[in-house]
């Protein structure tokens, strides 16, 4: 089951900026605007998000975010060389079963956050069409980024999400064919973690169920108490 984001209210001021609200996220949470300054590039947005990380990683949130302790927030590093560009394959409102037709690039990028040599957590940046700029939208989703990293086959691997089921796969090309690797076991669809399948097979297994259920409800964060 997806885990909801954990809203974290903090009037965190630094020498550079003041963040009115920070949102940290557990696994599979949808992105939420944090109020951080906008940036012209995703790398710059990720670096801005890292400046706020020490205020996000507290004794209460550290383990939720994938860190061993709150002090990890001060020593963690963002891996700008290993971004996960997020694509989606939506199965609703289409008659096509061609993965190359269904595969759509999103405006979201995941960056691994490391402590020492270990991928501990992640930072998500997104492009705003309204602002025409990038911003950090969440921290966390440790299990997701760790499993994406675990099954990454090359620098060109992508993250592929099926929004109707909020499932993530590692996407790669094999002789031009899109292949998808599940990052967790899903017995309902006979997906085995780490077991690569053709995208056509994944789509075939999911399509019938997708057409008989409602799409995933948009994530609406609760107001901090």
C-alpha atoms as a PDB file:
ATOM      1  CA  UNK A   1       0.000   0.000   0.000  1.00  0.00           C
ATOM      2  CA  UNK A   2       1.307   3.497  -0.775  1.00  0.00           C
ATOM      3  CA  UNK A   3       2.521   5.476   2.202  1.00  0.00           C
ATOM      4  CA  UNK A   4       1.257   9.034   2.489  1.00  0.00           C
ATOM      5  CA  UNK A   5       3.588  12.000   2.669  1.00  0.00           C
ATOM      6  CA  UNK A   6       4.415  13.303   6.101  1.00  0.00           C
ATOM      7  CA  UNK A   7       3.821  17.057   6.215  1.00  0.00           C
ATOM      8  CA  UNK A   8       6.498  18.798   8.294  1.00  0.00           C
ATOM      9  CA  UNK A   9       5.961  22.441   9.207  1.00  0.00           C
ATOM     10  CA  UNK A  10       9.121  24.369   9.868  1.00  0.00           C
ATOM     11  CA  UNK A  11      10.014  28.004   9.563  1.00  0.00           C
ATOM     12  CA  UNK A  12      13.517  27.070   8.532  1.00  0.00           C
ATOM     13  CA  UNK A  13      15.681  30.099   7.862  1.00  0.00           C
ATOM     14  CA  UNK A  14      19.190  30.017   6.543  1.00  0.00           C
ATOM     15  CA  UNK A  15      21.579  32.690   5.375  1.00  0.00           C
ATOM     16  CA  UNK A  16      20.181  32.230   1.861  1.00  0.00           C
ATOM     17  CA  UNK A  17      16.437  31.774   2.238  1.00  0.00           C
ATOM     18  CA  UNK A  18      13.517  30.954   4.477  1.00  0.00           C
ATOM     19  CA  UNK A  19      11.421  27.870   3.750  1.00  0.00           C
ATOM     20  CA  UNK A  20       7.799  28.362   4.917  1.00  0.00           C
ATOM     21  CA  UNK A  21       6.870  24.692   4.690  1.00  0.00           C
ATOM     22  CA  UNK A  22       8.894  21.554   4.129  1.00  0.00           C
ATOM     23  CA  UNK A  23       7.369  18.314   2.969  1.00  0.00           C
ATOM     24  CA  UNK A  24       9.146  15.038   3.482  1.00  0.00           C
ATOM     25  CA  UNK A  25       7.929  11.855   1.905  1.00  0.00           C
ATOM     26  CA  UNK A  26       7.940   8.175   2.640  1.00  0.00           C
ATOM     27  CA  UNK A  27       7.910   5.520  -0.085  1.00  0.00           C
ATOM     28  CA  UNK A  28       5.560   6.011  -3.032  1.00  0.00           C
ATOM     29  CA  UNK A  29       4.310   9.441  -1.988  1.00  0.00           C
ATOM     30  CA  UNK A  30       3.293  11.910  -4.667  1.00  0.00           C
ATOM     31  CA  UNK A  31       5.298  15.096  -5.079  1.00  0.00           C
ATOM     32  CA  UNK A  32       4.192  18.171  -3.180  1.00  0.00           C
ATOM     33  CA  UNK A  33       5.325  21.786  -3.525  1.00  0.00           C
ATOM     34  CA  UNK A  34       7.690  22.784  -0.718  1.00  0.00           C
ATOM     35  CA  UNK A  35       7.966  26.517  -1.195  1.00  0.00           C
ATOM     36  CA  UNK A  36      11.692  26.395  -1.938  1.00  0.00           C
ATOM     37  CA  UNK A  37      13.188  28.955  -4.343  1.00  0.00           C
ATOM     38  CA  UNK A  38      12.876  28.099  -8.022  1.00  0.00           C
ATOM     39  CA  UNK A  39      15.925  27.278 -10.131  1.00  0.00           C
ATOM     40  CA  UNK A  40      16.818  27.397 -13.811  1.00  0.00           C
ATOM     41  CA  UNK A  41      18.177  23.820 -13.930  1.00  0.00           C
ATOM     42  CA  UNK A  42      17.288  20.554 -12.165  1.00  0.00           C
ATOM     43  CA  UNK A  43      20.818  20.293 -10.771  1.00  0.00           C
ATOM     44  CA  UNK A  44      20.543  23.730  -9.193  1.00  0.00           C
ATOM     45  CA  UNK A  45      17.133  22.831  -7.739  1.00  0.00           C
ATOM     46  CA  UNK A  46      18.603  19.656  -6.240  1.00  0.00           C
ATOM     47  CA  UNK A  47      21.452  21.600  -4.660  1.00  0.00           C
ATOM     48  CA  UNK A  48      18.954  24.078  -3.197  1.00  0.00           C
ATOM     49  CA  UNK A  49      16.958  21.171  -1.810  1.00  0.00           C
ATOM     50  CA  UNK A  50      20.078  19.783  -0.171  1.00  0.00           C
ATOM     51  CA  UNK A  51      20.668  23.074   1.639  1.00  0.00           C
ATOM     52  CA  UNK A  52      17.310  22.563   3.338  1.00  0.00           C
ATOM     53  CA  UNK A  53      17.914  18.879   4.129  1.00  0.00           C
ATOM     54  CA  UNK A  54      19.436  19.370   7.617  1.00  0.00           C
ATOM     55  CA  UNK A  55      16.170  21.009   8.676  1.00  0.00           C
ATOM     56  CA  UNK A  56      14.110  18.190   7.198  1.00  0.00           C
ATOM     57  CA  UNK A  57      16.018  15.292   8.768  1.00  0.00           C
ATOM     58  CA  UNK A  58      15.063  15.425  12.444  1.00  0.00           C
ATOM     59  CA  UNK A  59      15.070  12.731  15.145  1.00  0.00           C
ATOM     60  CA  UNK A  60      11.386  12.223  14.316  1.00  0.00           C
ATOM     61  CA  UNK A  61      11.750  11.973  10.518  1.00  0.00           C
ATOM     62  CA  UNK A  62      15.232  10.488  10.032  1.00  0.00           C
ATOM     63  CA  UNK A  63      14.306   6.803   9.810  1.00  0.00           C
ATOM     64  CA  UNK A  64      11.172   7.535   7.797  1.00  0.00           C
ATOM     65  CA  UNK A  65      13.380   9.212   5.201  1.00  0.00           C
ATOM     66  CA  UNK A  66      15.951   6.421   5.124  1.00  0.00           C
ATOM     67  CA  UNK A  67      18.604   7.915   7.391  1.00  0.00           C
ATOM     68  CA  UNK A  68      20.049   6.302  10.483  1.00  0.00           C
ATOM     69  CA  UNK A  69      20.003   9.510  12.505  1.00  0.00           C
ATOM     70  CA  UNK A  70      19.299  13.229  12.263  1.00  0.00           C
ATOM     71  CA  UNK A  71      23.014  13.965  11.915  1.00  0.00           C
ATOM     72  CA  UNK A  72      22.979  12.265   8.505  1.00  0.00           C
ATOM     73  CA  UNK A  73      21.120  15.282   7.141  1.00  0.00           C
ATOM     74  CA  UNK A  74      24.256  17.385   7.580  1.00  0.00           C
ATOM     75  CA  UNK A  75      26.706  14.958   5.966  1.00  0.00           C
ATOM     76  CA  UNK A  76      24.537  13.568   3.150  1.00  0.00           C
ATOM     77  CA  UNK A  77      25.410  14.318  -0.482  1.00  0.00           C
ATOM     78  CA  UNK A  78      23.231  14.491  -3.588  1.00  0.00           C
ATOM     79  CA  UNK A  79      24.408  12.387  -6.536  1.00  0.00           C
ATOM     80  CA  UNK A  80      23.946  14.735  -9.471  1.00  0.00           C
ATOM     81  CA  UNK A  81      25.612  12.272 -11.854  1.00  0.00           C
ATOM     82  CA  UNK A  82      22.976   9.542 -11.419  1.00  0.00           C
ATOM     83  CA  UNK A  83      19.587  11.196 -11.993  1.00  0.00           C
ATOM     84  CA  UNK A  84      16.475   9.118 -12.577  1.00  0.00           C
ATOM     85  CA  UNK A  85      14.401  10.734 -15.313  1.00  0.00           C
ATOM     86  CA  UNK A  86      10.810   9.654 -14.714  1.00  0.00           C
ATOM     87  CA  UNK A  87       8.615   8.403 -17.555  1.00  0.00           C
ATOM     88  CA  UNK A  88       5.022   7.201 -17.394  1.00  0.00           C
ATOM     89  CA  UNK A  89       3.001   4.551 -19.161  1.00  0.00           C
ATOM     90  CA  UNK A  90      -0.681   5.347 -18.626  1.00  0.00           C
ATOM     91  CA  UNK A  91      -3.089   2.583 -19.550  1.00  0.00           C
ATOM     92  CA  UNK A  92      -6.345   4.529 -19.530  1.00  0.00           C
ATOM     93  CA  UNK A  93      -7.983   6.360 -22.445  1.00  0.00           C
ATOM     94  CA  UNK A  94      -5.938   4.569 -25.081  1.00  0.00           C
ATOM     95  CA  UNK A  95      -6.390   1.613 -27.374  1.00  0.00           C
ATOM     96  CA  UNK A  96      -2.685   1.266 -28.070  1.00  0.00           C
ATOM     97  CA  UNK A  97      -0.513  -1.491 -26.612  1.00  0.00           C
ATOM     98  CA  UNK A  98       2.687  -0.161 -28.191  1.00  0.00           C
ATOM     99  CA  UNK A  99       5.129   0.762 -25.382  1.00  0.00           C
ATOM    100  CA  UNK A 100       6.814   3.393 -27.534  1.00  0.00           C
ATOM    101  CA  UNK A 101       3.456   5.119 -28.059  1.00  0.00           C
ATOM    102  CA  UNK A 102       2.463   4.904 -24.402  1.00  0.00           C
ATOM    103  CA  UNK A 103       5.811   5.926 -22.912  1.00  0.00           C
ATOM    104  CA  UNK A 104       5.764   9.616 -22.002  1.00  0.00           C
ATOM    105  CA  UNK A 105       8.463  11.691 -20.362  1.00  0.00           C
ATOM    106  CA  UNK A 106       7.366  13.588 -17.233  1.00  0.00           C
ATOM    107  CA  UNK A 107       8.740  16.770 -15.676  1.00  0.00           C
ATOM    108  CA  UNK A 108      10.085  14.847 -12.649  1.00  0.00           C
ATOM    109  CA  UNK A 109      13.621  13.730 -11.780  1.00  0.00           C
ATOM    110  CA  UNK A 110      14.770  11.680  -8.776  1.00  0.00           C
ATOM    111  CA  UNK A 111      18.278  12.260  -7.406  1.00  0.00           C
ATOM    112  CA  UNK A 112      19.872   9.748  -5.021  1.00  0.00           C
ATOM    113  CA  UNK A 113      21.019  11.083  -1.658  1.00  0.00           C
ATOM    114  CA  UNK A 114      24.044   9.257  -0.320  1.00  0.00           C
ATOM    115  CA  UNK A 115      25.640   8.905   3.092  1.00  0.00           C
ATOM    116  CA  UNK A 116      29.148   7.609   2.589  1.00  0.00           C
ATOM    117  CA  UNK A 117      28.954   5.062  -0.233  1.00  0.00           C
ATOM    118  CA  UNK A 118      25.341   4.103   0.513  1.00  0.00           C
ATOM    119  CA  UNK A 119      22.214   5.379  -1.235  1.00  0.00           C
ATOM    120  CA  UNK A 120      20.108   6.352   1.762  1.00  0.00           C
ATOM    121  CA  UNK A 121      17.292   8.475   0.372  1.00  0.00           C
ATOM    122  CA  UNK A 122      16.253  10.634  -2.564  1.00  0.00           C
ATOM    123  CA  UNK A 123      15.362  14.137  -3.557  1.00  0.00           C
ATOM    124  CA  UNK A 124      12.721  14.885  -6.176  1.00  0.00           C
ATOM    125  CA  UNK A 125      12.750  17.929  -8.443  1.00  0.00           C
ATOM    126  CA  UNK A 126      10.026  18.939 -10.873  1.00  0.00           C
ATOM    127  CA  UNK A 127       9.612  21.482 -13.652  1.00  0.00           C
ATOM    128  CA  UNK A 128       6.772  23.977 -13.274  1.00  0.00           C
ATOM    129  CA  UNK A 129       5.159  25.024 -16.520  1.00  0.00           C
ATOM    130  CA  UNK A 130       3.694  28.043 -14.734  1.00  0.00           C
ATOM    131  CA  UNK A 131       7.027  29.284 -13.420  1.00  0.00           C
ATOM    132  CA  UNK A 132       9.118  27.800 -16.241  1.00  0.00           C
ATOM    133  CA  UNK A 133      11.573  26.716 -13.586  1.00  0.00           C
ATOM    134  CA  UNK A 134      12.665  23.762 -11.444  1.00  0.00           C
ATOM    135  CA  UNK A 135      12.170  23.228  -7.720  1.00  0.00           C
ATOM    136  CA  UNK A 136      12.657  20.504  -5.117  1.00  0.00           C
ATOM    137  CA  UNK A 137       9.291  18.927  -4.342  1.00  0.00           C
ATOM    138  CA  UNK A 138      10.122  16.212  -1.804  1.00  0.00           C
ATOM    139  CA  UNK A 139      12.729  14.279   0.118  1.00  0.00           C
ATOM    140  CA  UNK A 140      12.485  10.606   1.018  1.00  0.00           C
ATOM    141  CA  UNK A 141      11.090   7.532  -0.756  1.00  0.00           C
ATOM    142  CA  UNK A 142      14.148   5.627   0.430  1.00  0.00           C
ATOM    143  CA  UNK A 143      12.947   2.158  -0.569  1.00  0.00           C
ATOM    144  CA  UNK A 144      12.066   3.299  -4.068  1.00  0.00           C
ATOM    145  CA  UNK A 145      15.399   4.941  -4.836  1.00  0.00           C
ATOM    146  CA  UNK A 146      17.358   2.065  -3.280  1.00  0.00           C
ATOM    147  CA  UNK A 147      15.561  -0.499  -5.437  1.00  0.00           C
ATOM    148  CA  UNK A 148      15.817   1.626  -8.578  1.00  0.00           C
ATOM    149  CA  UNK A 149      19.549   1.877  -7.942  1.00  0.00           C
ATOM    150  CA  UNK A 150      19.813  -1.844  -7.192  1.00  0.00           C
ATOM    151  CA  UNK A 151      18.387  -2.823 -10.582  1.00  0.00           C
ATOM    152  CA  UNK A 152      19.958  -0.086 -12.679  1.00  0.00           C
ATOM    153  CA  UNK A 153      21.699  -1.611 -15.697  1.00  0.00           C
ATOM    154  CA  UNK A 154      23.338   1.439 -17.235  1.00  0.00           C
ATOM    155  CA  UNK A 155      23.578   5.218 -17.125  1.00  0.00           C
ATOM    156  CA  UNK A 156      20.712   5.338 -19.627  1.00  0.00           C
ATOM    157  CA  UNK A 157      18.274   3.440 -17.381  1.00  0.00           C
ATOM    158  CA  UNK A 158      15.058   5.336 -16.662  1.00  0.00           C
ATOM    159  CA  UNK A 159      12.361   5.155 -14.008  1.00  0.00           C
ATOM    160  CA  UNK A 160       9.002   4.126 -15.469  1.00  0.00           C
ATOM    161  CA  UNK A 161       5.803   4.626 -13.494  1.00  0.00           C
ATOM    162  CA  UNK A 162       2.384   3.146 -14.237  1.00  0.00           C
ATOM    163  CA  UNK A 163       0.182   5.756 -12.530  1.00  0.00           C
ATOM    164  CA  UNK A 164      -2.975   3.640 -12.356  1.00  0.00           C
ATOM    165  CA  UNK A 165      -1.233   1.313  -9.890  1.00  0.00           C
ATOM    166  CA  UNK A 166       1.606   3.591  -8.716  1.00  0.00           C
ATOM    167  CA  UNK A 167       4.085   0.913  -9.780  1.00  0.00           C
ATOM    168  CA  UNK A 168       7.698   1.707 -10.654  1.00  0.00           C
ATOM    169  CA  UNK A 169      10.028  -0.169 -12.986  1.00  0.00           C
ATOM    170  CA  UNK A 170      13.571   0.277 -14.215  1.00  0.00           C
ATOM    171  CA  UNK A 171      13.397   0.851 -17.960  1.00  0.00           C
ATOM    172  CA  UNK A 172      16.121  -0.197 -20.404  1.00  0.00           C
ATOM    173  CA  UNK A 173      16.473  -0.873 -24.117  1.00  0.00           C
ATOM    174  CA  UNK A 174      17.495  -4.261 -25.474  1.00  0.00           C
ATOM    175  CA  UNK A 175      17.961  -4.239 -29.253  1.00  0.00           C
ATOM    176  CA  UNK A 176      15.559  -1.310 -29.400  1.00  0.00           C
ATOM    177  CA  UNK A 177      12.875  -3.041 -27.341  1.00  0.00           C
ATOM    178  CA  UNK A 178      11.741  -1.413 -24.083  1.00  0.00           C
ATOM    179  CA  UNK A 179      12.301  -3.763 -21.149  1.00  0.00           C
ATOM    180  CA  UNK A 180      10.967  -3.183 -17.635  1.00  0.00           C
ATOM    181  CA  UNK A 181      12.311  -4.516 -14.340  1.00  0.00           C
ATOM    182  CA  UNK A 182       9.875  -4.521 -11.381  1.00  0.00           C
ATOM    183  CA  UNK A 183      11.427  -3.044  -8.239  1.00  0.00           C
ATOM    184  CA  UNK A 184       9.116  -4.981  -5.924  1.00  0.00           C
ATOM    185  CA  UNK A 185       7.084  -8.186  -5.917  1.00  0.00           C
ATOM    186  CA  UNK A 186       3.476  -7.752  -7.062  1.00  0.00           C
ATOM    187  CA  UNK A 187       1.843 -11.211  -6.859  1.00  0.00           C
ATOM    188  CA  UNK A 188      -1.413  -9.913  -8.369  1.00  0.00           C
ATOM    189  CA  UNK A 189       0.360  -9.428 -11.701  1.00  0.00           C
ATOM    190  CA  UNK A 190       3.081 -12.050 -11.222  1.00  0.00           C
ATOM    191  CA  UNK A 191       5.784  -9.391 -11.111  1.00  0.00           C
ATOM    192  CA  UNK A 192       8.958 -10.627  -9.429  1.00  0.00           C
ATOM    193  CA  UNK A 193      11.366  -8.049  -8.059  1.00  0.00           C
ATOM    194  CA  UNK A 194      14.371  -7.866 -10.351  1.00  0.00           C
ATOM    195  CA  UNK A 195      12.796 -10.075 -13.015  1.00  0.00           C
ATOM    196  CA  UNK A 196      13.010  -8.181 -16.302  1.00  0.00           C
ATOM    197  CA  UNK A 197      10.055  -8.362 -18.692  1.00  0.00           C
ATOM    198  CA  UNK A 198       9.252  -6.798 -22.023  1.00  0.00           C
ATOM    199  CA  UNK A 199       7.166  -3.643 -21.704  1.00  0.00           C
ATOM    200  CA  UNK A 200       4.549  -5.302 -23.920  1.00  0.00           C
ATOM    201  CA  UNK A 201       4.169  -8.115 -21.399  1.00  0.00           C
ATOM    202  CA  UNK A 202       3.865  -5.663 -18.506  1.00  0.00           C
ATOM    203  CA  UNK A 203       1.221  -3.674 -20.381  1.00  0.00           C
ATOM    204  CA  UNK A 204      -0.712  -6.827 -21.239  1.00  0.00           C
ATOM    205  CA  UNK A 205      -0.822  -7.900 -17.585  1.00  0.00           C
ATOM    206  CA  UNK A 206      -1.952  -4.501 -16.333  1.00  0.00           C
ATOM    207  CA  UNK A 207      -4.314  -3.280 -19.055  1.00  0.00           C
ATOM    208  CA  UNK A 208      -7.378  -5.348 -18.198  1.00  0.00           C
ATOM    209  CA  UNK A 209      -7.236  -4.400 -14.517  1.00  0.00           C
ATOM    210  CA  UNK A 210      -6.611  -0.736 -15.335  1.00  0.00           C
ATOM    211  CA  UNK A 211      -9.762  -0.463 -17.414  1.00  0.00           C
ATOM    212  CA  UNK A 212     -11.942  -1.857 -14.621  1.00  0.00           C
ATOM    213  CA  UNK A 213     -10.759   0.415 -11.825  1.00  0.00           C
ATOM    214  CA  UNK A 214     -10.619   4.115 -11.111  1.00  0.00           C
ATOM    215  CA  UNK A 215      -7.332   5.902 -11.673  1.00  0.00           C
ATOM    216  CA  UNK A 216      -5.218   6.720  -8.635  1.00  0.00           C
ATOM    217  CA  UNK A 217      -6.664   9.642  -6.718  1.00  0.00           C
ATOM    218  CA  UNK A 218      -4.472  12.764  -6.725  1.00  0.00           C
ATOM    219  CA  UNK A 219      -2.409  13.085  -3.571  1.00  0.00           C
ATOM    220  CA  UNK A 220      -3.647  15.878  -1.305  1.00  0.00           C
ATOM    221  CA  UNK A 221      -1.329  16.596   1.606  1.00  0.00           C
ATOM    222  CA  UNK A 222      -2.876  17.232   4.977  1.00  0.00           C
ATOM    223  CA  UNK A 223      -2.265  20.551   6.659  1.00  0.00           C
ATOM    224  CA  UNK A 224       0.296  20.395   9.443  1.00  0.00           C
ATOM    225  CA  UNK A 225      -1.195  20.196  12.895  1.00  0.00           C
END
